[in-house]
Amino acid sequence: MTLSELEIYQKQGFGNSSGMGQHPALLIVDFVNGFADPDQFGGGNIGEAIENTRGLLAAARTLDLPVAFTRVVYAEDGSDAGVFTLKAPPLKQLTEASFSSQIVDQLKPRDGEYIVRKTQPSAFFGTNLTAWYVARGVDTVVVTGCTTSGCVRASVIDSMSYNFRTVVASDCVGDRALGPHEANLFDMEQKYADLMTSSEIIAVLQERVLAKTPSTHR
């Protein structure tokens, strides 16, 4: 984006920070084998984003934050496929048992972490994710995953629409093409979310946890 385009948004009052609340959670969108494979649904910078997410996930686990993953999962007979699969028919290959729909080994979920199975782009649409967050007192959703222009963007918009403060980990989201990736990062930052690197997010999370920890000094 050129400076003149950014100035338009700034002049109209976009691009402010919504900040991070006191009770964040981590959402990892569609980092599954099919999207990690450049010969199937992947490519671009998705592999790099997966690797970068490893450190953020480790920090979230250390700090005992709620962690949720999403998978695209369709019925074997395609009975729950909708208009989305008319646009991209190969997505129907992502069934419960298919290797392509399994979360990548680098980010393998642990017991107690929530796995959302979805048939639409958003992690929130037609799922119980919102209720799961509300039950845990979450006020901020930190988003990683792929693709930036697709399921990440859809999840970010719904997260904000459900009134969660939303932070996109800019180095932990990826797309099969870099043009849409960059354009959507710009747009999300202006309207729907804050953008922070994983290192910046980890530093803020650690600072807040330490601030809540009672001092042992007398």
N, C-alpha and C. Protein backbone atom coordinates (compact mmCIF):
# COMPACT_ATOMS: atom_id res chain seq x y z
N MET A 1 0.83 -1.19 0.00
CA MET A 1 0.00 0.00 0.00
C MET A 1 0.87 1.25 0.00
N THR A 2 0.51 2.24 -0.81
CA THR A 2 1.27 3.48 -0.84
C THR A 2 0.87 4.36 0.34
N LEU A 3 1.71 5.34 0.63
CA LEU A 3 1.44 6.25 1.73
C LEU A 3 0.13 6.98 1.53
N SER A 4 -0.16 7.36 0.28
CA SER A 4 -1.40 8.09 0.01
C SER A 4 -2.62 7.26 0.37
N GLU A 5 -2.58 5.95 0.10
CA GLU A 5 -3.71 5.09 0.46
C GLU A 5 -3.86 5.00 1.98
N LEU A 6 -2.75 4.87 2.69
CA LEU A 6 -2.80 4.82 4.15
C LEU A 6 -3.35 6.13 4.70
N GLU A 7 -2.95 7.23 4.11
CA GLU A 7 -3.42 8.54 4.58
C GLU A 7 -4.94 8.67 4.44
N ILE A 8 -5.51 8.06 3.40
CA ILE A 8 -6.97 8.10 3.24
C ILE A 8 -7.64 7.45 4.43
N TYR A 9 -7.16 6.29 4.83
CA TYR A 9 -7.74 5.58 5.96
C TYR A 9 -7.55 6.37 7.25
N GLN A 10 -6.37 6.92 7.44
CA GLN A 10 -6.10 7.70 8.65
C GLN A 10 -6.99 8.94 8.71
N LYS A 11 -7.17 9.61 7.60
CA LYS A 11 -8.01 10.80 7.55
C LYS A 11 -9.44 10.48 7.92
N GLN A 12 -9.91 9.29 7.53
CA GLN A 12 -11.29 8.90 7.80
C GLN A 12 -11.46 8.21 9.16
N GLY A 13 -10.37 8.11 9.93
CA GLY A 13 -10.46 7.62 11.30
C GLY A 13 -10.31 6.13 11.47
N PHE A 14 -9.80 5.45 10.45
CA PHE A 14 -9.57 4.00 10.56
C PHE A 14 -8.18 3.73 11.13
N GLY A 15 -7.96 2.46 11.48
CA GLY A 15 -6.62 2.02 11.87
C GLY A 15 -6.25 2.25 13.31
N ASN A 16 -7.23 2.57 14.18
CA ASN A 16 -6.93 2.70 15.59
C ASN A 16 -6.73 1.32 16.23
N SER A 17 -6.14 1.31 17.40
CA SER A 17 -5.90 0.05 18.10
C SER A 17 -7.05 -0.28 19.03
N SER A 18 -7.49 -1.54 19.00
CA SER A 18 -8.49 -2.00 19.96
C SER A 18 -7.82 -2.58 21.20
N GLY A 19 -6.52 -2.84 21.12
CA GLY A 19 -5.76 -3.31 22.26
C GLY A 19 -6.03 -4.77 22.61
N MET A 20 -5.31 -5.23 23.61
CA MET A 20 -5.46 -6.60 24.09
C MET A 20 -6.07 -6.56 25.48
N GLY A 21 -7.07 -7.38 25.69
CA GLY A 21 -7.72 -7.43 27.00
C GLY A 21 -6.93 -8.23 28.02
N GLN A 22 -7.60 -8.57 29.10
CA GLN A 22 -6.94 -9.28 30.20
C GLN A 22 -7.04 -10.80 30.10
N HIS A 23 -7.89 -11.29 29.18
CA HIS A 23 -8.11 -12.74 29.12
C HIS A 23 -8.04 -13.22 27.66
N PRO A 24 -6.83 -13.30 27.12
CA PRO A 24 -6.67 -13.70 25.71
C PRO A 24 -6.74 -15.20 25.51
N ALA A 25 -7.03 -15.57 24.27
CA ALA A 25 -7.01 -16.97 23.85
C ALA A 25 -6.35 -17.04 22.49
N LEU A 26 -5.86 -18.21 22.13
CA LEU A 26 -5.20 -18.42 20.84
C LEU A 26 -6.10 -19.23 19.92
N LEU A 27 -6.25 -18.75 18.68
CA LEU A 27 -7.01 -19.45 17.65
C LEU A 27 -6.08 -19.76 16.48
N ILE A 28 -5.98 -21.04 16.12
CA ILE A 28 -5.13 -21.49 15.02
C ILE A 28 -6.04 -22.03 13.92
N VAL A 29 -6.09 -21.30 12.82
CA VAL A 29 -7.07 -21.56 11.76
C VAL A 29 -6.47 -22.41 10.64
N ASP A 30 -6.99 -23.61 10.49
CA ASP A 30 -6.77 -24.45 9.30
C ASP A 30 -5.31 -24.75 8.96
N PHE A 31 -4.46 -24.83 9.95
CA PHE A 31 -3.10 -25.32 9.69
C PHE A 31 -3.16 -26.84 9.64
N VAL A 32 -3.69 -27.34 8.54
CA VAL A 32 -3.84 -28.78 8.32
C VAL A 32 -2.94 -29.20 7.16
N ASN A 33 -2.77 -30.49 7.01
CA ASN A 33 -1.81 -31.00 6.02
C ASN A 33 -2.11 -30.52 4.59
N GLY A 34 -3.37 -30.45 4.24
CA GLY A 34 -3.71 -30.02 2.89
C GLY A 34 -3.30 -28.61 2.58
N PHE A 35 -3.35 -27.73 3.60
CA PHE A 35 -2.96 -26.34 3.40
C PHE A 35 -1.46 -26.14 3.60
N ALA A 36 -0.79 -27.14 4.13
CA ALA A 36 0.67 -27.08 4.24
C ALA A 36 1.34 -27.59 2.98
N ASP A 37 0.58 -28.19 2.09
CA ASP A 37 1.11 -28.82 0.88
C ASP A 37 0.93 -27.89 -0.33
N PRO A 38 2.02 -27.39 -0.91
CA PRO A 38 1.90 -26.51 -2.07
C PRO A 38 1.24 -27.16 -3.28
N ASP A 39 1.24 -28.49 -3.32
CA ASP A 39 0.61 -29.19 -4.44
C ASP A 39 -0.88 -29.43 -4.22
N GLN A 40 -1.39 -29.06 -3.04
CA GLN A 40 -2.82 -29.23 -2.80
C GLN A 40 -3.48 -27.86 -2.60
N PHE A 41 -3.48 -27.34 -1.37
CA PHE A 41 -4.11 -26.04 -1.12
C PHE A 41 -3.12 -25.00 -0.61
N GLY A 42 -1.85 -25.35 -0.49
CA GLY A 42 -0.88 -24.47 0.16
C GLY A 42 -0.03 -23.66 -0.77
N GLY A 43 1.18 -23.37 -0.32
CA GLY A 43 2.11 -22.55 -1.08
C GLY A 43 2.33 -21.20 -0.42
N GLY A 44 2.96 -20.29 -1.16
CA GLY A 44 3.21 -18.95 -0.63
C GLY A 44 4.03 -18.99 0.64
N ASN A 45 3.55 -18.31 1.67
CA ASN A 45 4.27 -18.24 2.95
C ASN A 45 3.60 -19.04 4.05
N ILE A 46 2.76 -20.01 3.68
CA ILE A 46 2.05 -20.78 4.69
C ILE A 46 3.00 -21.62 5.53
N GLY A 47 3.98 -22.24 4.91
CA GLY A 47 4.94 -23.05 5.66
C GLY A 47 5.69 -22.23 6.70
N GLU A 48 6.10 -21.04 6.32
CA GLU A 48 6.79 -20.15 7.26
C GLU A 48 5.88 -19.76 8.42
N ALA A 49 4.61 -19.51 8.11
CA ALA A 49 3.66 -19.13 9.15
C ALA A 49 3.45 -20.27 10.14
N ILE A 50 3.41 -21.49 9.64
CA ILE A 50 3.28 -22.65 10.54
C ILE A 50 4.46 -22.72 11.50
N GLU A 51 5.65 -22.57 10.97
CA GLU A 51 6.84 -22.62 11.83
C GLU A 51 6.83 -21.50 12.87
N ASN A 52 6.43 -20.32 12.47
CA ASN A 52 6.38 -19.19 13.41
C ASN A 52 5.34 -19.39 14.50
N THR A 53 4.28 -20.12 14.16
CA THR A 53 3.21 -20.35 15.13
C THR A 53 3.66 -21.29 16.25
N ARG A 54 4.66 -22.11 15.99
CA ARG A 54 5.13 -23.05 17.01
C ARG A 54 5.52 -22.32 18.29
N GLY A 55 6.26 -21.22 18.16
CA GLY A 55 6.70 -20.48 19.34
C GLY A 55 5.54 -19.82 20.07
N LEU A 56 4.59 -19.29 19.33
CA LEU A 56 3.43 -18.65 19.95
C LEU A 56 2.55 -19.67 20.67
N LEU A 57 2.39 -20.84 20.05
CA LEU A 57 1.63 -21.90 20.69
C LEU A 57 2.31 -22.38 21.97
N ALA A 58 3.61 -22.52 21.93
CA ALA A 58 4.35 -22.94 23.12
C ALA A 58 4.17 -21.93 24.26
N ALA A 59 4.22 -20.65 23.92
CA ALA A 59 4.05 -19.61 24.94
C ALA A 59 2.63 -19.64 25.50
N ALA A 60 1.63 -19.81 24.63
CA ALA A 60 0.24 -19.87 25.10
C ALA A 60 0.04 -21.04 26.05
N ARG A 61 0.66 -22.17 25.74
CA ARG A 61 0.54 -23.34 26.62
C ARG A 61 1.24 -23.10 27.95
N THR A 62 2.40 -22.49 27.91
CA THR A 62 3.12 -22.20 29.15
C THR A 62 2.32 -21.28 30.05
N LEU A 63 1.61 -20.33 29.44
CA LEU A 63 0.81 -19.36 30.18
C LEU A 63 -0.61 -19.85 30.45
N ASP A 64 -0.89 -21.08 30.04
CA ASP A 64 -2.19 -21.72 30.30
C ASP A 64 -3.36 -20.94 29.68
N LEU A 65 -3.17 -20.48 28.45
CA LEU A 65 -4.24 -19.79 27.74
C LEU A 65 -5.14 -20.80 27.02
N PRO A 66 -6.41 -20.47 26.85
CA PRO A 66 -7.26 -21.34 26.02
C PRO A 66 -6.74 -21.39 24.58
N VAL A 67 -6.68 -22.58 24.02
CA VAL A 67 -6.18 -22.76 22.66
C VAL A 67 -7.23 -23.53 21.85
N ALA A 68 -7.56 -22.99 20.67
CA ALA A 68 -8.50 -23.66 19.78
C ALA A 68 -7.89 -23.78 18.39
N PHE A 69 -8.19 -24.88 17.75
CA PHE A 69 -7.76 -25.15 16.38
C PHE A 69 -9.00 -25.31 15.51
N THR A 70 -8.85 -25.01 14.22
CA THR A 70 -9.94 -25.34 13.30
C THR A 70 -9.45 -26.29 12.21
N ARG A 71 -10.40 -27.12 11.76
CA ARG A 71 -10.21 -28.00 10.60
C ARG A 71 -11.42 -27.83 9.69
N VAL A 72 -11.20 -27.86 8.39
CA VAL A 72 -12.31 -27.96 7.45
C VAL A 72 -12.62 -29.45 7.30
N VAL A 73 -13.86 -29.84 7.62
CA VAL A 73 -14.23 -31.26 7.59
C VAL A 73 -15.62 -31.41 6.96
N TYR A 74 -15.67 -32.12 5.84
CA TYR A 74 -16.94 -32.41 5.18
C TYR A 74 -17.29 -33.89 5.33
N ALA A 75 -18.58 -34.19 5.21
CA ALA A 75 -19.04 -35.56 5.23
C ALA A 75 -18.48 -36.33 4.04
N GLU A 76 -18.27 -37.62 4.23
CA GLU A 76 -17.72 -38.45 3.16
C GLU A 76 -18.57 -38.38 1.89
N ASP A 77 -19.88 -38.29 2.07
CA ASP A 77 -20.76 -38.25 0.90
C ASP A 77 -21.04 -36.83 0.40
N GLY A 78 -20.38 -35.84 1.01
CA GLY A 78 -20.56 -34.46 0.57
C GLY A 78 -21.91 -33.86 0.90
N SER A 79 -22.68 -34.50 1.77
CA SER A 79 -24.04 -34.05 2.05
C SER A 79 -24.11 -32.71 2.76
N ASP A 80 -23.03 -32.30 3.41
CA ASP A 80 -23.03 -31.00 4.10
C ASP A 80 -22.26 -29.93 3.33
N ALA A 81 -21.87 -30.24 2.11
CA ALA A 81 -21.16 -29.26 1.28
C ALA A 81 -22.15 -28.22 0.76
N GLY A 82 -21.71 -26.98 0.70
CA GLY A 82 -22.58 -25.90 0.25
C GLY A 82 -21.96 -25.10 -0.87
N VAL A 83 -22.35 -23.83 -0.95
CA VAL A 83 -21.89 -22.96 -2.04
C VAL A 83 -20.38 -22.79 -2.01
N PHE A 84 -19.79 -22.82 -0.81
CA PHE A 84 -18.34 -22.68 -0.71
C PHE A 84 -17.62 -23.70 -1.58
N THR A 85 -18.13 -24.91 -1.60
CA THR A 85 -17.47 -25.96 -2.39
C THR A 85 -17.81 -25.88 -3.88
N LEU A 86 -18.80 -25.07 -4.24
CA LEU A 86 -19.01 -24.79 -5.66
C LEU A 86 -17.89 -23.90 -6.18
N LYS A 87 -17.41 -23.00 -5.32
CA LYS A 87 -16.29 -22.15 -5.69
C LYS A 87 -14.98 -22.92 -5.70
N ALA A 88 -14.85 -23.89 -4.80
CA ALA A 88 -13.60 -24.66 -4.68
C ALA A 88 -13.94 -26.12 -4.42
N PRO A 89 -14.37 -26.88 -5.44
CA PRO A 89 -14.80 -28.27 -5.26
C PRO A 89 -13.79 -29.19 -4.58
N PRO A 90 -12.47 -29.01 -4.79
CA PRO A 90 -11.53 -29.93 -4.12
C PRO A 90 -11.58 -29.89 -2.60
N LEU A 91 -12.17 -28.85 -2.02
CA LEU A 91 -12.29 -28.80 -0.56
C LEU A 91 -13.07 -29.99 0.00
N LYS A 92 -13.93 -30.58 -0.83
CA LYS A 92 -14.72 -31.72 -0.36
C LYS A 92 -13.85 -32.93 -0.05
N GLN A 93 -12.57 -32.89 -0.46
CA GLN A 93 -11.63 -33.94 -0.11
C GLN A 93 -11.29 -33.93 1.38
N LEU A 94 -11.58 -32.82 2.04
CA LEU A 94 -11.24 -32.66 3.46
C LEU A 94 -12.34 -33.30 4.32
N THR A 95 -12.23 -34.59 4.49
CA THR A 95 -13.17 -35.34 5.32
C THR A 95 -12.51 -35.69 6.66
N GLU A 96 -13.29 -36.21 7.58
CA GLU A 96 -12.78 -36.50 8.92
C GLU A 96 -11.56 -37.40 8.89
N ALA A 97 -11.57 -38.42 8.04
CA ALA A 97 -10.50 -39.41 8.03
C ALA A 97 -9.35 -39.06 7.09
N SER A 98 -9.50 -38.05 6.25
CA SER A 98 -8.48 -37.76 5.26
C SER A 98 -7.23 -37.17 5.91
N PHE A 99 -6.07 -37.57 5.38
CA PHE A 99 -4.81 -37.02 5.87
C PHE A 99 -4.79 -35.50 5.70
N SER A 100 -5.35 -35.02 4.61
CA SER A 100 -5.31 -33.59 4.30
C SER A 100 -6.01 -32.73 5.33
N SER A 101 -6.99 -33.28 6.03
CA SER A 101 -7.75 -32.48 7.00
C SER A 101 -7.17 -32.53 8.41
N GLN A 102 -6.10 -33.28 8.60
CA GLN A 102 -5.50 -33.42 9.94
C GLN A 102 -4.58 -32.24 10.23
N ILE A 103 -4.59 -31.78 11.45
CA ILE A 103 -3.71 -30.69 11.87
C ILE A 103 -2.25 -31.12 11.76
N VAL A 104 -1.40 -30.23 11.28
CA VAL A 104 0.00 -30.57 11.03
C VAL A 104 0.68 -31.04 12.32
N ASP A 105 1.62 -31.94 12.18
CA ASP A 105 2.29 -32.52 13.34
C ASP A 105 3.00 -31.48 14.19
N GLN A 106 3.52 -30.42 13.55
CA GLN A 106 4.25 -29.39 14.30
C GLN A 106 3.39 -28.69 15.34
N LEU A 107 2.07 -28.74 15.14
CA LEU A 107 1.14 -28.02 16.03
C LEU A 107 0.11 -28.97 16.62
N LYS A 108 0.46 -30.19 16.80
CA LYS A 108 -0.49 -31.22 17.23
C LYS A 108 -1.21 -30.81 18.53
N PRO A 109 -2.54 -30.81 18.52
CA PRO A 109 -3.28 -30.40 19.72
C PRO A 109 -3.03 -31.34 20.90
N ARG A 110 -3.18 -30.76 22.08
CA ARG A 110 -3.07 -31.52 23.31
C ARG A 110 -4.45 -31.70 23.93
N ASP A 111 -4.54 -32.60 24.88
CA ASP A 111 -5.79 -32.79 25.61
C ASP A 111 -6.24 -31.47 26.23
N GLY A 112 -7.53 -31.18 26.11
CA GLY A 112 -8.08 -29.95 26.68
C GLY A 112 -8.11 -28.79 25.72
N GLU A 113 -7.41 -28.93 24.58
CA GLU A 113 -7.47 -27.89 23.55
C GLU A 113 -8.62 -28.20 22.59
N TYR A 114 -9.30 -27.16 22.17
CA TYR A 114 -10.56 -27.33 21.45
C TYR A 114 -10.31 -27.44 19.95
N ILE A 115 -10.92 -28.43 19.31
CA ILE A 115 -10.82 -28.59 17.86
C ILE A 115 -12.18 -28.30 17.25
N VAL A 116 -12.22 -27.27 16.42
CA VAL A 116 -13.44 -26.85 15.75
C VAL A 116 -13.47 -27.49 14.36
N ARG A 117 -14.52 -28.21 14.06
CA ARG A 117 -14.73 -28.75 12.72
C ARG A 117 -15.73 -27.84 12.00
N LYS A 118 -15.35 -27.36 10.85
CA LYS A 118 -16.19 -26.36 10.17
C LYS A 118 -16.32 -26.69 8.68
N THR A 119 -17.39 -26.16 8.08
CA THR A 119 -17.61 -26.33 6.65
C THR A 119 -17.66 -24.99 5.92
N GLN A 120 -17.47 -23.91 6.67
CA GLN A 120 -17.49 -22.56 6.11
C GLN A 120 -16.17 -21.86 6.45
N PRO A 121 -15.88 -20.72 5.83
CA PRO A 121 -14.59 -20.08 6.07
C PRO A 121 -14.35 -19.68 7.54
N SER A 122 -15.37 -19.11 8.20
CA SER A 122 -15.17 -18.61 9.55
C SER A 122 -15.12 -19.72 10.58
N ALA A 123 -14.23 -19.55 11.56
CA ALA A 123 -14.16 -20.48 12.69
C ALA A 123 -15.40 -20.39 13.57
N PHE A 124 -16.15 -19.29 13.46
CA PHE A 124 -17.28 -19.04 14.34
C PHE A 124 -18.63 -19.44 13.72
N PHE A 125 -18.71 -19.42 12.39
CA PHE A 125 -19.99 -19.63 11.73
C PHE A 125 -20.45 -21.09 11.87
N GLY A 126 -21.61 -21.28 12.52
CA GLY A 126 -22.16 -22.62 12.66
C GLY A 126 -21.39 -23.53 13.58
N THR A 127 -20.57 -22.96 14.47
CA THR A 127 -19.78 -23.76 15.42
C THR A 127 -20.06 -23.29 16.84
N ASN A 128 -19.48 -23.99 17.81
CA ASN A 128 -19.65 -23.63 19.22
C ASN A 128 -18.48 -22.82 19.77
N LEU A 129 -17.66 -22.26 18.89
CA LEU A 129 -16.45 -21.59 19.36
C LEU A 129 -16.77 -20.39 20.24
N THR A 130 -17.74 -19.58 19.86
CA THR A 130 -18.08 -18.42 20.68
C THR A 130 -18.46 -18.83 22.09
N ALA A 131 -19.32 -19.83 22.21
CA ALA A 131 -19.73 -20.31 23.54
C ALA A 131 -18.54 -20.84 24.33
N TRP A 132 -17.63 -21.52 23.66
CA TRP A 132 -16.44 -22.06 24.33
C TRP A 132 -15.59 -20.92 24.90
N TYR A 133 -15.43 -19.84 24.12
CA TYR A 133 -14.67 -18.69 24.60
C TYR A 133 -15.38 -18.00 25.76
N VAL A 134 -16.68 -17.77 25.61
CA VAL A 134 -17.43 -17.08 26.65
C VAL A 134 -17.37 -17.84 27.97
N ALA A 135 -17.47 -19.16 27.90
CA ALA A 135 -17.42 -19.99 29.11
C ALA A 135 -16.09 -19.86 29.84
N ARG A 136 -15.05 -19.47 29.11
CA ARG A 136 -13.72 -19.33 29.69
C ARG A 136 -13.34 -17.87 29.95
N GLY A 137 -14.28 -16.98 29.80
CA GLY A 137 -14.05 -15.58 30.11
C GLY A 137 -13.14 -14.86 29.15
N VAL A 138 -13.00 -15.37 27.94
CA VAL A 138 -12.09 -14.78 26.96
C VAL A 138 -12.60 -13.42 26.51
N ASP A 139 -11.70 -12.44 26.42
CA ASP A 139 -12.07 -11.14 25.87
C ASP A 139 -11.22 -10.75 24.66
N THR A 140 -10.20 -11.54 24.35
CA THR A 140 -9.30 -11.24 23.24
C THR A 140 -8.96 -12.53 22.51
N VAL A 141 -9.02 -12.49 21.18
CA VAL A 141 -8.67 -13.66 20.37
C VAL A 141 -7.43 -13.32 19.54
N VAL A 142 -6.37 -14.08 19.75
CA VAL A 142 -5.14 -13.95 18.96
C VAL A 142 -5.23 -14.97 17.84
N VAL A 143 -5.16 -14.50 16.59
CA VAL A 143 -5.44 -15.36 15.44
C VAL A 143 -4.16 -15.67 14.66
N THR A 144 -3.97 -16.94 14.37
CA THR A 144 -2.95 -17.40 13.44
C THR A 144 -3.64 -18.31 12.43
N GLY A 145 -2.94 -18.68 11.36
CA GLY A 145 -3.51 -19.67 10.45
C GLY A 145 -3.47 -19.28 8.99
N CYS A 146 -4.30 -19.96 8.21
CA CYS A 146 -4.36 -19.73 6.78
C CYS A 146 -5.78 -20.00 6.26
N THR A 147 -6.12 -19.43 5.12
CA THR A 147 -5.31 -18.44 4.42
C THR A 147 -5.69 -17.05 4.91
N THR A 148 -4.73 -16.14 4.81
CA THR A 148 -4.95 -14.78 5.29
C THR A 148 -6.17 -14.15 4.65
N SER A 149 -6.32 -14.36 3.34
CA SER A 149 -7.40 -13.73 2.60
C SER A 149 -8.71 -14.48 2.68
N GLY A 150 -8.68 -15.70 3.24
CA GLY A 150 -9.87 -16.53 3.28
C GLY A 150 -10.37 -16.79 4.68
N CYS A 151 -10.02 -17.94 5.23
CA CYS A 151 -10.57 -18.34 6.51
C CYS A 151 -10.05 -17.52 7.69
N VAL A 152 -8.82 -17.01 7.59
CA VAL A 152 -8.33 -16.11 8.63
C VAL A 152 -9.15 -14.84 8.64
N ARG A 153 -9.29 -14.21 7.49
CA ARG A 153 -10.06 -12.97 7.41
C ARG A 153 -11.50 -13.17 7.90
N ALA A 154 -12.14 -14.24 7.44
CA ALA A 154 -13.52 -14.50 7.85
C ALA A 154 -13.62 -14.68 9.36
N SER A 155 -12.66 -15.38 9.94
CA SER A 155 -12.66 -15.61 11.39
C SER A 155 -12.39 -14.32 12.16
N VAL A 156 -11.51 -13.50 11.63
CA VAL A 156 -11.19 -12.22 12.27
C VAL A 156 -12.42 -11.32 12.30
N ILE A 157 -13.13 -11.24 11.18
CA ILE A 157 -14.31 -10.38 11.13
C ILE A 157 -15.38 -10.89 12.10
N ASP A 158 -15.60 -12.19 12.14
CA ASP A 158 -16.59 -12.72 13.07
C ASP A 158 -16.15 -12.56 14.52
N SER A 159 -14.86 -12.71 14.79
CA SER A 159 -14.36 -12.51 16.15
C SER A 159 -14.67 -11.09 16.61
N MET A 160 -14.35 -10.12 15.79
CA MET A 160 -14.66 -8.73 16.12
C MET A 160 -16.16 -8.51 16.23
N SER A 161 -16.94 -9.15 15.34
CA SER A 161 -18.39 -8.98 15.35
C SER A 161 -19.02 -9.53 16.63
N TYR A 162 -18.40 -10.55 17.22
CA TYR A 162 -18.86 -11.07 18.50
C TYR A 162 -18.27 -10.28 19.68
N ASN A 163 -17.62 -9.18 19.37
CA ASN A 163 -17.13 -8.23 20.36
C ASN A 163 -15.91 -8.71 21.13
N PHE A 164 -15.14 -9.60 20.52
CA PHE A 164 -13.83 -9.94 21.08
C PHE A 164 -12.81 -8.97 20.51
N ARG A 165 -11.93 -8.44 21.37
CA ARG A 165 -10.76 -7.76 20.83
C ARG A 165 -9.98 -8.80 20.02
N THR A 166 -9.48 -8.41 18.87
CA THR A 166 -8.88 -9.38 17.98
C THR A 166 -7.49 -8.93 17.55
N VAL A 167 -6.54 -9.83 17.66
CA VAL A 167 -5.15 -9.55 17.29
C VAL A 167 -4.70 -10.59 16.27
N VAL A 168 -4.19 -10.13 15.15
CA VAL A 168 -3.65 -11.03 14.13
C VAL A 168 -2.13 -11.10 14.32
N ALA A 169 -1.62 -12.31 14.50
CA ALA A 169 -0.17 -12.51 14.58
C ALA A 169 0.38 -12.47 13.16
N SER A 170 0.94 -11.34 12.77
CA SER A 170 1.22 -11.07 11.36
C SER A 170 2.22 -12.04 10.73
N ASP A 171 3.12 -12.59 11.52
CA ASP A 171 4.09 -13.55 10.98
C ASP A 171 3.63 -14.99 11.14
N CYS A 172 2.41 -15.17 11.66
CA CYS A 172 1.86 -16.50 11.88
C CYS A 172 0.61 -16.75 11.05
N VAL A 173 0.39 -15.92 10.05
CA VAL A 173 -0.69 -16.16 9.09
C VAL A 173 -0.07 -16.20 7.70
N GLY A 174 -0.65 -17.01 6.83
CA GLY A 174 -0.06 -17.18 5.50
C GLY A 174 -1.11 -17.40 4.44
N ASP A 175 -0.67 -17.24 3.21
CA ASP A 175 -1.56 -17.40 2.06
C ASP A 175 -0.78 -18.02 0.92
N ARG A 176 -1.51 -18.63 0.00
CA ARG A 176 -0.88 -19.25 -1.17
C ARG A 176 -0.33 -18.22 -2.14
N ALA A 177 -0.77 -16.98 -2.02
CA ALA A 177 -0.28 -15.89 -2.86
C ALA A 177 -0.02 -14.68 -1.97
N LEU A 178 1.09 -14.01 -2.18
CA LEU A 178 1.51 -12.95 -1.27
C LEU A 178 0.74 -11.65 -1.48
N GLY A 179 0.23 -11.41 -2.68
CA GLY A 179 -0.55 -10.20 -2.93
C GLY A 179 -1.80 -10.15 -2.06
N PRO A 180 -2.65 -11.16 -2.11
CA PRO A 180 -3.81 -11.19 -1.22
C PRO A 180 -3.44 -11.18 0.25
N HIS A 181 -2.35 -11.83 0.60
CA HIS A 181 -1.89 -11.84 1.99
C HIS A 181 -1.64 -10.42 2.49
N GLU A 182 -0.84 -9.66 1.75
CA GLU A 182 -0.48 -8.31 2.17
C GLU A 182 -1.70 -7.39 2.17
N ALA A 183 -2.53 -7.50 1.14
CA ALA A 183 -3.71 -6.63 1.05
C ALA A 183 -4.67 -6.87 2.21
N ASN A 184 -4.84 -8.13 2.58
CA ASN A 184 -5.78 -8.43 3.65
C ASN A 184 -5.22 -8.10 5.02
N LEU A 185 -3.92 -8.21 5.21
CA LEU A 185 -3.33 -7.74 6.46
C LEU A 185 -3.59 -6.25 6.63
N PHE A 186 -3.38 -5.50 5.56
CA PHE A 186 -3.62 -4.06 5.61
C PHE A 186 -5.07 -3.77 5.98
N ASP A 187 -5.99 -4.42 5.30
CA ASP A 187 -7.41 -4.13 5.50
C ASP A 187 -7.87 -4.54 6.90
N MET A 188 -7.42 -5.70 7.37
CA MET A 188 -7.82 -6.14 8.71
C MET A 188 -7.31 -5.19 9.77
N GLU A 189 -6.10 -4.68 9.60
CA GLU A 189 -5.56 -3.76 10.60
C GLU A 189 -6.33 -2.45 10.62
N GLN A 190 -6.81 -2.01 9.49
CA GLN A 190 -7.54 -0.76 9.43
C GLN A 190 -8.93 -0.87 10.05
N LYS A 191 -9.56 -2.06 10.00
CA LYS A 191 -10.97 -2.16 10.36
C LYS A 191 -11.31 -3.13 11.48
N TYR A 192 -10.61 -4.23 11.58
CA TYR A 192 -11.11 -5.34 12.39
C TYR A 192 -10.19 -5.82 13.50
N ALA A 193 -8.90 -5.58 13.40
CA ALA A 193 -7.96 -6.22 14.33
C ALA A 193 -6.70 -5.38 14.48
N ASP A 194 -5.96 -5.69 15.52
CA ASP A 194 -4.60 -5.17 15.65
C ASP A 194 -3.64 -6.17 15.02
N LEU A 195 -2.57 -5.67 14.45
CA LEU A 195 -1.51 -6.53 13.92
C LEU A 195 -0.31 -6.44 14.83
N MET A 196 0.20 -7.60 15.24
CA MET A 196 1.40 -7.67 16.05
C MET A 196 2.20 -8.89 15.60
N THR A 197 3.51 -8.84 15.75
CA THR A 197 4.31 -10.03 15.48
C THR A 197 4.16 -11.00 16.64
N SER A 198 4.52 -12.24 16.41
CA SER A 198 4.42 -13.23 17.48
C SER A 198 5.32 -12.85 18.66
N SER A 199 6.48 -12.30 18.39
CA SER A 199 7.38 -11.88 19.47
C SER A 199 6.75 -10.78 20.32
N GLU A 200 6.10 -9.84 19.66
CA GLU A 200 5.43 -8.76 20.39
C GLU A 200 4.28 -9.31 21.23
N ILE A 201 3.53 -10.23 20.67
CA ILE A 201 2.41 -10.81 21.41
C ILE A 201 2.90 -11.58 22.63
N ILE A 202 3.94 -12.38 22.45
CA ILE A 202 4.47 -13.16 23.57
C ILE A 202 4.95 -12.23 24.69
N ALA A 203 5.60 -11.15 24.32
CA ALA A 203 6.10 -10.20 25.33
C ALA A 203 4.94 -9.59 26.13
N VAL A 204 3.87 -9.21 25.45
CA VAL A 204 2.71 -8.64 26.13
C VAL A 204 2.04 -9.67 27.03
N LEU A 205 1.89 -10.89 26.52
CA LEU A 205 1.25 -11.94 27.32
C LEU A 205 2.05 -12.24 28.58
N GLN A 206 3.35 -12.36 28.43
CA GLN A 206 4.19 -12.65 29.59
C GLN A 206 4.14 -11.52 30.61
N GLU A 207 4.14 -10.30 30.14
CA GLU A 207 4.07 -9.14 31.03
C GLU A 207 2.77 -9.14 31.83
N ARG A 208 1.68 -9.49 31.18
CA ARG A 208 0.38 -9.46 31.87
C ARG A 208 0.26 -10.59 32.87
N VAL A 209 0.81 -11.74 32.54
CA VAL A 209 0.77 -12.86 33.48
C VAL A 209 1.61 -12.54 34.70
N LEU A 210 2.78 -11.95 34.49
CA LEU A 210 3.64 -11.58 35.61
C LEU A 210 2.96 -10.53 36.49
N ALA A 211 2.22 -9.62 35.86
CA ALA A 211 1.54 -8.58 36.61
C ALA A 211 0.44 -9.15 37.50
N LYS A 212 -0.14 -10.29 37.09
CA LYS A 212 -1.20 -10.93 37.87
C LYS A 212 -0.65 -11.85 38.96
N THR A 213 0.65 -12.18 38.87
CA THR A 213 1.26 -13.12 39.82
C THR A 213 1.58 -12.42 41.13
N PRO A 214 1.04 -12.89 42.26
CA PRO A 214 1.33 -12.24 43.55
C PRO A 214 2.82 -12.27 43.86
N SER A 215 3.32 -11.21 44.41
CA SER A 215 4.73 -11.14 44.77
C SER A 215 5.03 -12.06 45.95
N THR A 216 6.20 -12.69 45.92
CA THR A 216 6.62 -13.56 47.03
C THR A 216 7.48 -12.79 48.03
N HIS A 217 7.76 -11.51 47.70
CA HIS A 217 8.59 -10.72 48.61
C HIS A 217 7.75 -10.18 49.77
N ARG A 218 8.35 -10.14 50.92
CA ARG A 218 7.65 -9.62 52.12
C ARG A 218 8.36 -8.37 52.62
